[in-house]
């Protein structure tokens, strides 16, 4: 199960993911949320992963798809507060090379400016 919360820091939207990102319906919920933001012109996104407990290949695919579609709209996605377990998965599949990862939400948001 996935819970999505959203807050704004200036032009940056912080999306907090809580629970798991392991397939349906979680990945669809995440895609729809991100799609609404990007289509409304909110393309500077920070994903706060501090409360994401589990992720698998479907979840990683959702993150990659979100990054690609956001960059197509001249935006970007930063990851923040990534737990050791989730960071291990991200680094194992070398996604740390395409995502900018920050220790805090504030640092991730500031990196857009």
PDB file of N, CA and C in Angstrom:
ATOM      1  N   UNK A   1       0.845  -1.181   0.000  1.00  0.00           N
ATOM      2  CA  UNK A   1       0.000   0.000   0.000  1.00  0.00           C
ATOM      3  C   UNK A   1       0.885   1.237   0.000  1.00  0.00           C
ATOM      4  N   UNK A   2       0.449   2.263  -0.727  1.00  0.00           N
ATOM      5  CA  UNK A   2       1.202   3.495  -0.859  1.00  0.00           C
ATOM      6  C   UNK A   2       0.331   4.681  -0.466  1.00  0.00           C
ATOM      7  N   UNK A   3       0.901   5.562   0.351  1.00  0.00           N
ATOM      8  CA  UNK A   3       0.258   6.820   0.695  1.00  0.00           C
ATOM      9  C   UNK A   3       1.116   7.929   0.105  1.00  0.00           C
ATOM     10  N   UNK A   4       0.462   8.871  -0.563  1.00  0.00           N
ATOM     11  CA  UNK A   4       1.171   9.982  -1.201  1.00  0.00           C
ATOM     12  C   UNK A   4       0.717  11.289  -0.558  1.00  0.00           C
ATOM     13  N   UNK A   5       1.690  12.053  -0.077  1.00  0.00           N
ATOM     14  CA  UNK A   5       1.404  13.381   0.478  1.00  0.00           C
ATOM     15  C   UNK A   5       2.189  14.393  -0.349  1.00  0.00           C
ATOM     16  N   UNK A   6       1.687  15.603  -0.383  1.00  0.00           N
ATOM     17  CA  UNK A   6       2.311  16.637  -1.220  1.00  0.00           C
ATOM     18  C   UNK A   6       2.372  17.955  -0.469  1.00  0.00           C
ATOM     19  N   UNK A   7       3.492  18.652  -0.635  1.00  0.00           N
ATOM     20  CA  UNK A   7       3.629  20.008  -0.105  1.00  0.00           C
ATOM     21  C   UNK A   7       4.491  20.798  -1.071  1.00  0.00           C
ATOM     22  N   UNK A   8       4.428  22.102  -0.981  1.00  0.00           N
ATOM     23  CA  UNK A   8       5.209  22.965  -1.869  1.00  0.00           C
ATOM     24  C   UNK A   8       6.255  23.733  -1.081  1.00  0.00           C
ATOM     25  N   UNK A   9       7.421  23.860  -1.694  1.00  0.00           N
ATOM     26  CA  UNK A   9       8.470  24.745  -1.201  1.00  0.00           C
ATOM     27  C   UNK A   9       8.774  25.669  -2.383  1.00  0.00           C
ATOM     28  N   UNK A  10       8.112  26.820  -2.400  1.00  0.00           N
ATOM     29  CA  UNK A  10       8.221  27.708  -3.551  1.00  0.00           C
ATOM     30  C   UNK A  10       7.659  27.021  -4.786  1.00  0.00           C
ATOM     31  N   UNK A  11       8.452  26.958  -5.844  1.00  0.00           N
ATOM     32  CA  UNK A  11       8.028  26.313  -7.087  1.00  0.00           C
ATOM     33  C   UNK A  11       8.229  24.804  -7.066  1.00  0.00           C
ATOM     34  N   UNK A  12       8.862  24.300  -6.023  1.00  0.00           N
ATOM     35  CA  UNK A  12       9.180  22.874  -5.932  1.00  0.00           C
ATOM     36  C   UNK A  12       8.049  22.142  -5.219  1.00  0.00           C
ATOM     37  N   UNK A  13       7.654  21.002  -5.776  1.00  0.00           N
ATOM     38  CA  UNK A  13       6.647  20.159  -5.141  1.00  0.00           C
ATOM     39  C   UNK A  13       7.355  18.974  -4.501  1.00  0.00           C
ATOM     40  N   UNK A  14       7.115  18.782  -3.209  1.00  0.00           N
ATOM     41  CA  UNK A  14       7.674  17.648  -2.480  1.00  0.00           C
ATOM     42  C   UNK A  14       6.589  16.583  -2.392  1.00  0.00           C
ATOM     43  N   UNK A  15       6.896  15.420  -2.928  1.00  0.00           N
ATOM     44  CA  UNK A  15       5.974  14.292  -2.894  1.00  0.00           C
ATOM     45  C   UNK A  15       6.556  13.274  -1.911  1.00  0.00           C
ATOM     46  N   UNK A  16       5.836  13.039  -0.814  1.00  0.00           N
ATOM     47  CA  UNK A  16       6.276  12.070   0.184  1.00  0.00           C
ATOM     48  C   UNK A  16       5.585  10.739  -0.079  1.00  0.00           C
ATOM     49  N   UNK A  17       6.400   9.696  -0.231  1.00  0.00           N
ATOM     50  CA  UNK A  17       5.870   8.358  -0.483  1.00  0.00           C
ATOM     51  C   UNK A  17       6.017   7.530   0.785  1.00  0.00           C
ATOM     52  N   UNK A  18       4.904   6.958   1.242  1.00  0.00           N
ATOM     53  CA  UNK A  18       4.914   6.158   2.468  1.00  0.00           C
ATOM     54  C   UNK A  18       4.326   4.787   2.166  1.00  0.00           C
ATOM     55  N   UNK A  19       5.062   3.743   2.513  1.00  0.00           N
ATOM     56  CA  UNK A  19       4.572   2.389   2.310  1.00  0.00           C
ATOM     57  C   UNK A  19       5.448   1.631   1.342  1.00  0.00           C
ATOM     58  N   UNK A  20       4.813   1.056   0.328  1.00  0.00           N
ATOM     59  CA  UNK A  20       5.552   0.259  -0.650  1.00  0.00           C
ATOM     60  C   UNK A  20       5.254   0.721  -2.067  1.00  0.00           C
ATOM     61  N   UNK A  21       6.227   0.528  -2.940  1.00  0.00           N
ATOM     62  CA  UNK A  21       6.075   0.818  -4.370  1.00  0.00           C
ATOM     63  C   UNK A  21       6.510  -0.451  -5.089  1.00  0.00           C
ATOM     64  N   UNK A  22       5.546  -1.378  -5.202  1.00  0.00           N
ATOM     65  CA  UNK A  22       5.882  -2.733  -5.633  1.00  0.00           C
ATOM     66  C   UNK A  22       5.035  -3.247  -6.804  1.00  0.00           C
ATOM     67  N   UNK A  23       4.253  -2.417  -7.438  1.00  0.00           N
ATOM     68  CA  UNK A  23       3.392  -2.882  -8.528  1.00  0.00           C
ATOM     69  C   UNK A  23       2.055  -2.174  -8.464  1.00  0.00           C
ATOM     70  N   UNK A  24       1.034  -2.828  -8.969  1.00  0.00           N
ATOM     71  CA  UNK A  24      -0.300  -2.226  -8.961  1.00  0.00           C
ATOM     72  C   UNK A  24      -0.957  -2.427  -7.606  1.00  0.00           C
ATOM     73  N   UNK A  25      -1.759  -1.495  -7.152  1.00  0.00           N
ATOM     74  CA  UNK A  25      -2.142  -0.235  -7.777  1.00  0.00           C
ATOM     75  C   UNK A  25      -1.187   0.924  -7.450  1.00  0.00           C
ATOM     76  N   UNK A  26      -0.129   0.645  -6.644  1.00  0.00           N
ATOM     77  CA  UNK A  26       0.746   1.729  -6.184  1.00  0.00           C
ATOM     78  C   UNK A  26       1.400   2.497  -7.327  1.00  0.00           C
ATOM     79  N   UNK A  27       1.940   1.778  -8.316  1.00  0.00           N
ATOM     80  CA  UNK A  27       2.640   2.479  -9.394  1.00  0.00           C
ATOM     81  C   UNK A  27       1.680   3.349 -10.201  1.00  0.00           C
ATOM     82  N   UNK A  28       0.460   2.885 -10.402  1.00  0.00           N
ATOM     83  CA  UNK A  28      -0.535   3.702 -11.126  1.00  0.00           C
ATOM     84  C   UNK A  28      -0.889   4.957 -10.333  1.00  0.00           C
ATOM     85  N   UNK A  29      -1.054   4.813  -9.021  1.00  0.00           N
ATOM     86  CA  UNK A  29      -1.357   5.975  -8.182  1.00  0.00           C
ATOM     87  C   UNK A  29      -0.231   7.004  -8.271  1.00  0.00           C
ATOM     88  N   UNK A  30       1.001   6.520  -8.201  1.00  0.00           N
ATOM     89  CA  UNK A  30       2.155   7.408  -8.287  1.00  0.00           C
ATOM     90  C   UNK A  30       2.193   8.101  -9.652  1.00  0.00           C
ATOM     91  N   UNK A  31       2.017   7.333 -10.736  1.00  0.00           N
ATOM     92  CA  UNK A  31       2.030   7.914 -12.089  1.00  0.00           C
ATOM     93  C   UNK A  31       0.950   8.985 -12.243  1.00  0.00           C
ATOM     94  N   UNK A  32      -0.259   8.696 -11.783  1.00  0.00           N
ATOM     95  CA  UNK A  32      -1.358   9.643 -11.924  1.00  0.00           C
ATOM     96  C   UNK A  32      -1.080  10.927 -11.152  1.00  0.00           C
ATOM     97  N   UNK A  33      -0.542  10.791  -9.952  1.00  0.00           N
ATOM     98  CA  UNK A  33      -0.229  11.963  -9.139  1.00  0.00           C
ATOM     99  C   UNK A  33       0.827  12.824  -9.833  1.00  0.00           C
ATOM    100  N   UNK A  34       1.891  12.180 -10.277  1.00  0.00           N
ATOM    101  CA  UNK A  34       2.967  12.896 -10.962  1.00  0.00           C
ATOM    102  C   UNK A  34       2.461  13.514 -12.260  1.00  0.00           C
ATOM    103  N   UNK A  35       1.631  12.791 -13.013  1.00  0.00           N
ATOM    104  CA  UNK A  35       1.092  13.279 -14.282  1.00  0.00           C
ATOM    105  C   UNK A  35       0.292  14.567 -14.071  1.00  0.00           C
ATOM    106  N   UNK A  36      -0.570  14.589 -13.060  1.00  0.00           N
ATOM    107  CA  UNK A  36      -1.377  15.795 -12.786  1.00  0.00           C
ATOM    108  C   UNK A  36      -0.476  16.991 -12.489  1.00  0.00           C
ATOM    109  N   UNK A  37       0.566  16.768 -11.723  1.00  0.00           N
ATOM    110  CA  UNK A  37       1.481  17.865 -11.398  1.00  0.00           C
ATOM    111  C   UNK A  37       2.191  18.392 -12.642  1.00  0.00           C
ATOM    112  N   UNK A  38       2.788  17.488 -13.399  1.00  0.00           N
ATOM    113  CA  UNK A  38       3.582  17.881 -14.561  1.00  0.00           C
ATOM    114  C   UNK A  38       2.709  18.543 -15.617  1.00  0.00           C
ATOM    115  N   UNK A  39       1.524  18.013 -15.840  1.00  0.00           N
ATOM    116  CA  UNK A  39       0.625  18.609 -16.835  1.00  0.00           C
ATOM    117  C   UNK A  39       0.148  19.991 -16.418  1.00  0.00           C
ATOM    118  N   UNK A  40       0.149  20.265 -15.117  1.00  0.00           N
ATOM    119  CA  UNK A  40      -0.254  21.599 -14.654  1.00  0.00           C
ATOM    120  C   UNK A  40       0.939  22.555 -14.575  1.00  0.00           C
ATOM    121  N   UNK A  41       2.113  22.081 -15.051  1.00  0.00           N
ATOM    122  CA  UNK A  41       3.289  22.940 -15.096  1.00  0.00           C
ATOM    123  C   UNK A  41       4.194  22.843 -13.890  1.00  0.00           C
ATOM    124  N   UNK A  42       3.878  21.962 -12.961  1.00  0.00           N
ATOM    125  CA  UNK A  42       4.722  21.773 -11.764  1.00  0.00           C
ATOM    126  C   UNK A  42       5.752  20.693 -12.092  1.00  0.00           C
ATOM    127  N   UNK A  43       6.923  21.106 -12.551  1.00  0.00           N
ATOM    128  CA  UNK A  43       7.906  20.144 -13.064  1.00  0.00           C
ATOM    129  C   UNK A  43       9.182  20.052 -12.224  1.00  0.00           C
ATOM    130  N   UNK A  44       9.236  20.749 -11.108  1.00  0.00           N
ATOM    131  CA  UNK A  44      10.368  20.623 -10.184  1.00  0.00           C
ATOM    132  C   UNK A  44       9.875  19.787  -9.014  1.00  0.00           C
ATOM    133  N   UNK A  45      10.260  18.516  -9.019  1.00  0.00           N
ATOM    134  CA  UNK A  45       9.724  17.571  -8.044  1.00  0.00           C
ATOM    135  C   UNK A  45      10.821  16.980  -7.168  1.00  0.00           C
ATOM    136  N   UNK A  46      10.522  16.865  -5.885  1.00  0.00           N
ATOM    137  CA  UNK A  46      11.388  16.159  -4.942  1.00  0.00           C
ATOM    138  C   UNK A  46      10.578  14.997  -4.385  1.00  0.00           C
ATOM    139  N   UNK A  47      11.135  13.801  -4.463  1.00  0.00           N
ATOM    140  CA  UNK A  47      10.496  12.635  -3.872  1.00  0.00           C
ATOM    141  C   UNK A  47      11.154  12.358  -2.528  1.00  0.00           C
ATOM    142  N   UNK A  48      10.383  12.510  -1.462  1.00  0.00           N
ATOM    143  CA  UNK A  48      10.854  12.197  -0.114  1.00  0.00           C
ATOM    144  C   UNK A  48      10.581  10.708   0.112  1.00  0.00           C
ATOM    145  N   UNK A  49      11.653   9.927   0.157  1.00  0.00           N
ATOM    146  CA  UNK A  49      11.519   8.469   0.270  1.00  0.00           C
ATOM    147  C   UNK A  49      11.798   7.959   1.682  1.00  0.00           C
ATOM    148  N   UNK A  50      11.786   8.847   2.674  1.00  0.00           N
ATOM    149  CA  UNK A  50      12.137   8.450   4.037  1.00  0.00           C
ATOM    150  C   UNK A  50      11.184   7.412   4.624  1.00  0.00           C
ATOM    151  N   UNK A  51       9.943   7.385   4.159  1.00  0.00           N
ATOM    152  CA  UNK A  51       8.981   6.427   4.699  1.00  0.00           C
ATOM    153  C   UNK A  51       8.582   5.352   3.685  1.00  0.00           C
ATOM    154  N   UNK A  52       9.349   5.257   2.603  1.00  0.00           N
ATOM    155  CA  UNK A  52       9.124   4.177   1.647  1.00  0.00           C
ATOM    156  C   UNK A  52       9.826   2.944   2.200  1.00  0.00           C
ATOM    157  N   UNK A  53       9.065   1.898   2.489  1.00  0.00           N
ATOM    158  CA  UNK A  53       9.620   0.709   3.139  1.00  0.00           C
ATOM    159  C   UNK A  53      10.191  -0.299   2.154  1.00  0.00           C
ATOM    160  N   UNK A  54       9.537  -0.449   1.005  1.00  0.00           N
ATOM    161  CA  UNK A  54       9.974  -1.455   0.038  1.00  0.00           C
ATOM    162  C   UNK A  54       9.762  -0.953  -1.378  1.00  0.00           C
ATOM    163  N   UNK A  55      10.668  -1.366  -2.265  1.00  0.00           N
ATOM    164  CA  UNK A  55      10.550  -1.053  -3.687  1.00  0.00           C
ATOM    165  C   UNK A  55      11.089  -2.249  -4.454  1.00  0.00           C
ATOM    166  N   UNK A  56      10.509  -2.520  -5.606  1.00  0.00           N
ATOM    167  CA  UNK A  56      11.014  -3.602  -6.458  1.00  0.00           C
ATOM    168  C   UNK A  56      11.186  -3.065  -7.876  1.00  0.00           C
ATOM    169  N   UNK A  57      11.348  -3.959  -8.831  1.00  0.00           N
ATOM    170  CA  UNK A  57      11.599  -3.529 -10.208  1.00  0.00           C
ATOM    171  C   UNK A  57      10.440  -2.711 -10.775  1.00  0.00           C
ATOM    172  N   UNK A  58       9.205  -3.025 -10.390  1.00  0.00           N
ATOM    173  CA  UNK A  58       8.069  -2.227 -10.855  1.00  0.00           C
ATOM    174  C   UNK A  58       8.155  -0.805 -10.308  1.00  0.00           C
ATOM    175  N   UNK A  59       8.494  -0.696  -9.041  1.00  0.00           N
ATOM    176  CA  UNK A  59       8.638   0.614  -8.426  1.00  0.00           C
ATOM    177  C   UNK A  59       9.780   1.415  -9.031  1.00  0.00           C
ATOM    178  N   UNK A  60      10.902   0.733  -9.269  1.00  0.00           N
ATOM    179  CA  UNK A  60      12.034   1.410  -9.907  1.00  0.00           C
ATOM    180  C   UNK A  60      11.660   1.866 -11.309  1.00  0.00           C
ATOM    181  N   UNK A  61      10.921   1.028 -12.022  1.00  0.00           N
ATOM    182  CA  UNK A  61      10.451   1.404 -13.356  1.00  0.00           C
ATOM    183  C   UNK A  61       9.550   2.629 -13.305  1.00  0.00           C
ATOM    184  N   UNK A  62       8.721   2.708 -12.267  1.00  0.00           N
ATOM    185  CA  UNK A  62       7.840   3.872 -12.108  1.00  0.00           C
ATOM    186  C   UNK A  62       8.667   5.140 -11.858  1.00  0.00           C
ATOM    187  N   UNK A  63       9.726   5.022 -11.063  1.00  0.00           N
ATOM    188  CA  UNK A  63      10.587   6.185 -10.815  1.00  0.00           C
ATOM    189  C   UNK A  63      11.277   6.635 -12.092  1.00  0.00           C
ATOM    190  N   UNK A  64      11.778   5.684 -12.867  1.00  0.00           N
ATOM    191  CA  UNK A  64      12.457   6.015 -14.122  1.00  0.00           C
ATOM    192  C   UNK A  64      11.486   6.652 -15.109  1.00  0.00           C
ATOM    193  N   UNK A  65      10.299   6.072 -15.243  1.00  0.00           N
ATOM    194  CA  UNK A  65       9.291   6.628 -16.155  1.00  0.00           C
ATOM    195  C   UNK A  65       8.908   8.049 -15.738  1.00  0.00           C
ATOM    196  N   UNK A  66       8.790   8.273 -14.428  1.00  0.00           N
ATOM    197  CA  UNK A  66       8.463   9.617 -13.931  1.00  0.00           C
ATOM    198  C   UNK A  66       9.574  10.601 -14.266  1.00  0.00           C
ATOM    199  N   UNK A  67      10.811  10.168 -14.095  1.00  0.00           N
ATOM    200  CA  UNK A  67      11.951  11.032 -14.407  1.00  0.00           C
ATOM    201  C   UNK A  67      11.976  11.392 -15.889  1.00  0.00           C
ATOM    202  N   UNK A  68      11.805  10.408 -16.742  1.00  0.00           N
ATOM    203  CA  UNK A  68      11.839  10.643 -18.192  1.00  0.00           C
ATOM    204  C   UNK A  68      10.721  11.591 -18.613  1.00  0.00           C
ATOM    205  N   UNK A  69       9.499  11.326 -18.153  1.00  0.00           N
ATOM    206  CA  UNK A  69       8.373  12.168 -18.575  1.00  0.00           C
ATOM    207  C   UNK A  69       8.490  13.584 -18.010  1.00  0.00           C
ATOM    208  N   UNK A  70       9.038  13.724 -16.819  1.00  0.00           N
ATOM    209  CA  UNK A  70       9.218  15.058 -16.239  1.00  0.00           C
ATOM    210  C   UNK A  70      10.298  15.825 -16.993  1.00  0.00           C
ATOM    211  N   UNK A  71      11.372  15.155 -17.355  1.00  0.00           N
ATOM    212  CA  UNK A  71      12.440  15.821 -18.115  1.00  0.00           C
ATOM    213  C   UNK A  71      11.965  16.222 -19.510  1.00  0.00           C
ATOM    214  N   UNK A  72      11.040  15.468 -20.087  1.00  0.00           N
ATOM    215  CA  UNK A  72      10.482  15.841 -21.388  1.00  0.00           C
ATOM    216  C   UNK A  72       9.725  17.153 -21.313  1.00  0.00           C
ATOM    217  N   UNK A  73       9.261  17.508 -20.130  1.00  0.00           N
ATOM    218  CA  UNK A  73       8.543  18.772 -19.915  1.00  0.00           C
ATOM    219  C   UNK A  73       9.478  19.825 -19.328  1.00  0.00           C
ATOM    220  N   UNK A  74      10.801  19.621 -19.512  1.00  0.00           N
ATOM    221  CA  UNK A  74      11.840  20.543 -19.038  1.00  0.00           C
ATOM    222  C   UNK A  74      11.916  20.633 -17.515  1.00  0.00           C
ATOM    223  N   UNK A  75      11.533  19.575 -16.842  1.00  0.00           N
ATOM    224  CA  UNK A  75      11.620  19.533 -15.391  1.00  0.00           C
ATOM    225  C   UNK A  75      12.631  18.504 -14.935  1.00  0.00           C
ATOM    226  N   UNK A  76      12.586  18.185 -13.648  1.00  0.00           N
ATOM    227  CA  UNK A  76      13.478  17.167 -13.112  1.00  0.00           C
ATOM    228  C   UNK A  76      12.919  16.652 -11.793  1.00  0.00           C
ATOM    229  N   UNK A  77      13.447  15.517 -11.374  1.00  0.00           N
ATOM    230  CA  UNK A  77      13.073  14.899 -10.107  1.00  0.00           C
ATOM    231  C   UNK A  77      14.336  14.682  -9.301  1.00  0.00           C
ATOM    232  N   UNK A  78      14.276  15.063  -8.022  1.00  0.00           N
ATOM    233  CA  UNK A  78      15.353  14.797  -7.076  1.00  0.00           C
ATOM    234  C   UNK A  78      14.822  13.811  -6.034  1.00  0.00           C
ATOM    235  N   UNK A  79      15.692  12.984  -5.509  1.00  0.00           N
ATOM    236  CA  UNK A  79      15.325  12.077  -4.428  1.00  0.00           C
ATOM    237  C   UNK A  79      15.909  12.616  -3.130  1.00  0.00           C
ATOM    238  N   UNK A  80      15.151  12.490  -2.044  1.00  0.00           N
ATOM    239  CA  UNK A  80      15.612  12.988  -0.749  1.00  0.00           C
ATOM    240  C   UNK A  80      15.288  11.993   0.357  1.00  0.00           C
ATOM    241  N   UNK A  81      16.125  12.034   1.394  1.00  0.00           N
ATOM    242  CA  UNK A  81      15.917  11.224   2.605  1.00  0.00           C
ATOM    243  C   UNK A  81      15.698   9.748   2.278  1.00  0.00           C
ATOM    244  N   UNK A  82      16.542   9.222   1.437  1.00  0.00           N
ATOM    245  CA  UNK A  82      16.418   7.828   1.002  1.00  0.00           C
ATOM    246  C   UNK A  82      16.956   6.920   2.106  1.00  0.00           C
ATOM    247  N   UNK A  83      16.145   5.964   2.532  1.00  0.00           N
ATOM    248  CA  UNK A  83      16.579   5.032   3.581  1.00  0.00           C
ATOM    249  C   UNK A  83      17.718   4.153   3.072  1.00  0.00           C
ATOM    250  N   UNK A  84      18.450   3.558   3.988  1.00  0.00           N
ATOM    251  CA  UNK A  84      19.573   2.694   3.617  1.00  0.00           C
ATOM    252  C   UNK A  84      19.111   1.538   2.739  1.00  0.00           C
ATOM    253  N   UNK A  85      17.955   0.953   3.058  1.00  0.00           N
ATOM    254  CA  UNK A  85      17.451  -0.197   2.295  1.00  0.00           C
ATOM    255  C   UNK A  85      17.090   0.198   0.862  1.00  0.00           C
ATOM    256  N   UNK A  86      16.398   1.312   0.722  1.00  0.00           N
ATOM    257  CA  UNK A  86      15.997   1.761  -0.614  1.00  0.00           C
ATOM    258  C   UNK A  86      17.224   2.237  -1.383  1.00  0.00           C
ATOM    259  N   UNK A  87      18.140   2.925  -0.702  1.00  0.00           N
ATOM    260  CA  UNK A  87      19.362   3.377  -1.356  1.00  0.00           C
ATOM    261  C   UNK A  87      20.178   2.187  -1.866  1.00  0.00           C
ATOM    262  N   UNK A  88      20.208   1.110  -1.113  1.00  0.00           N
ATOM    263  CA  UNK A  88      20.929  -0.092  -1.541  1.00  0.00           C
ATOM    264  C   UNK A  88      20.378  -0.593  -2.875  1.00  0.00           C
ATOM    265  N   UNK A  89      19.053  -0.644  -2.983  1.00  0.00           N
ATOM    266  CA  UNK A  89      18.423  -1.096  -4.228  1.00  0.00           C
ATOM    267  C   UNK A  89      18.750  -0.132  -5.362  1.00  0.00           C
ATOM    268  N   UNK A  90      18.632   1.164  -5.106  1.00  0.00           N
ATOM    269  CA  UNK A  90      18.898   2.180  -6.129  1.00  0.00           C
ATOM    270  C   UNK A  90      20.348   2.092  -6.618  1.00  0.00           C
ATOM    271  N   UNK A  91      21.275   1.948  -5.686  1.00  0.00           N
ATOM    272  CA  UNK A  91      22.688   1.879  -6.066  1.00  0.00           C
ATOM    273  C   UNK A  91      23.025   0.559  -6.755  1.00  0.00           C
ATOM    274  N   UNK A  92      22.390  -0.528  -6.344  1.00  0.00           N
ATOM    275  CA  UNK A  92      22.648  -1.839  -6.950  1.00  0.00           C
ATOM    276  C   UNK A  92      22.324  -1.834  -8.438  1.00  0.00           C
ATOM    277  N   UNK A  93      21.237  -1.173  -8.810  1.00  0.00           N
ATOM    278  CA  UNK A  93      20.859  -1.114 -10.220  1.00  0.00           C
ATOM    279  C   UNK A  93      21.383   0.153 -10.899  1.00  0.00           C
ATOM    280  N   UNK A  94      22.262   0.851 -10.207  1.00  0.00           N
ATOM    281  CA  UNK A  94      22.982   2.015 -10.715  1.00  0.00           C
ATOM    282  C   UNK A  94      22.089   3.197 -11.090  1.00  0.00           C
ATOM    283  N   UNK A  95      20.947   3.320 -10.421  1.00  0.00           N
ATOM    284  CA  UNK A  95      20.083   4.474 -10.670  1.00  0.00           C
ATOM    285  C   UNK A  95      20.623   5.727  -9.996  1.00  0.00           C
ATOM    286  N   UNK A  96      21.591   5.557  -9.101  1.00  0.00           N
ATOM    287  CA  UNK A  96      22.237   6.713  -8.493  1.00  0.00           C
ATOM    288  C   UNK A  96      22.984   7.554  -9.515  1.00  0.00           C
ATOM    289  N   UNK A  97      23.217   6.981 -10.692  1.00  0.00           N
ATOM    290  CA  UNK A  97      23.886   7.719 -11.761  1.00  0.00           C
ATOM    291  C   UNK A  97      22.941   8.635 -12.520  1.00  0.00           C
ATOM    292  N   UNK A  98      21.633   8.361 -12.455  1.00  0.00           N
ATOM    293  CA  UNK A  98      20.685   9.201 -13.196  1.00  0.00           C
ATOM    294  C   UNK A  98      19.830  10.084 -12.290  1.00  0.00           C
ATOM    295  N   UNK A  99      19.686   9.698 -11.021  1.00  0.00           N
ATOM    296  CA  UNK A  99      18.944  10.510 -10.066  1.00  0.00           C
ATOM    297  C   UNK A  99      19.918  11.292  -9.207  1.00  0.00           C
ATOM    298  N   UNK A 100      19.572  12.535  -8.913  1.00  0.00           N
ATOM    299  CA  UNK A 100      20.322  13.315  -7.937  1.00  0.00           C
ATOM    300  C   UNK A 100      19.697  13.021  -6.582  1.00  0.00           C
ATOM    301  N   UNK A 101      20.521  12.588  -5.641  1.00  0.00           N
ATOM    302  CA  UNK A 101      20.037  12.158  -4.327  1.00  0.00           C
ATOM    303  C   UNK A 101      20.605  13.085  -3.255  1.00  0.00           C
ATOM    304  N   UNK A 102      19.726  13.530  -2.341  1.00  0.00           N
ATOM    305  CA  UNK A 102      20.104  14.477  -1.301  1.00  0.00           C
ATOM    306  C   UNK A 102      19.706  13.954   0.079  1.00  0.00           C
ATOM    307  N   UNK A 103      20.469  14.322   1.110  1.00  0.00           N
ATOM    308  CA  UNK A 103      20.158  13.851   2.456  1.00  0.00           C
ATOM    309  C   UNK A 103      18.910  14.495   3.066  1.00  0.00           C
ATOM    310  N   UNK A 104      18.548  15.705   2.608  1.00  0.00           N
ATOM    311  CA  UNK A 104      17.362  16.377   3.143  1.00  0.00           C
ATOM    312  C   UNK A 104      16.478  16.893   2.009  1.00  0.00           C
ATOM    313  N   UNK A 105      15.219  17.081   2.334  1.00  0.00           N
ATOM    314  CA  UNK A 105      14.267  17.650   1.375  1.00  0.00           C
ATOM    315  C   UNK A 105      14.675  19.073   1.019  1.00  0.00           C
ATOM    316  N   UNK A 106      15.094  19.840   2.014  1.00  0.00           N
ATOM    317  CA  UNK A 106      15.472  21.233   1.776  1.00  0.00           C
ATOM    318  C   UNK A 106      16.643  21.331   0.807  1.00  0.00           C
ATOM    319  N   UNK A 107      17.660  20.476   0.974  1.00  0.00           N
ATOM    320  CA  UNK A 107      18.805  20.490   0.057  1.00  0.00           C
ATOM    321  C   UNK A 107      18.370  20.108  -1.356  1.00  0.00           C
ATOM    322  N   UNK A 108      17.481  19.144  -1.461  1.00  0.00           N
ATOM    323  CA  UNK A 108      16.985  18.732  -2.778  1.00  0.00           C
ATOM    324  C   UNK A 108      16.218  19.873  -3.433  1.00  0.00           C
ATOM    325  N   UNK A 109      15.364  20.544  -2.674  1.00  0.00           N
ATOM    326  CA  UNK A 109      14.583  21.650  -3.221  1.00  0.00           C
ATOM    327  C   UNK A 109      15.478  22.807  -3.632  1.00  0.00           C
ATOM    328  N   UNK A 110      16.456  23.120  -2.812  1.00  0.00           N
ATOM    329  CA  UNK A 110      17.383  24.218  -3.087  1.00  0.00           C
ATOM    330  C   UNK A 110      18.215  23.936  -4.348  1.00  0.00           C
ATOM    331  N   UNK A 111      18.474  22.672  -4.628  1.00  0.00           N
ATOM    332  CA  UNK A 111      19.314  22.314  -5.771  1.00  0.00           C
ATOM    333  C   UNK A 111      18.714  22.744  -7.115  1.00  0.00           C
ATOM    334  N   UNK A 112      17.423  23.067  -7.134  1.00  0.00           N
ATOM    335  CA  UNK A 112      16.799  23.530  -8.367  1.00  0.00           C
ATOM    336  C   UNK A 112      17.170  24.980  -8.702  1.00  0.00           C
ATOM    337  N   UNK A 113      17.732  25.698  -7.717  1.00  0.00           N
ATOM    338  CA  UNK A 113      17.998  27.128  -7.921  1.00  0.00           C
ATOM    339  C   UNK A 113      19.464  27.431  -8.005  1.00  0.00           C
TER     340      UNK A 113
END
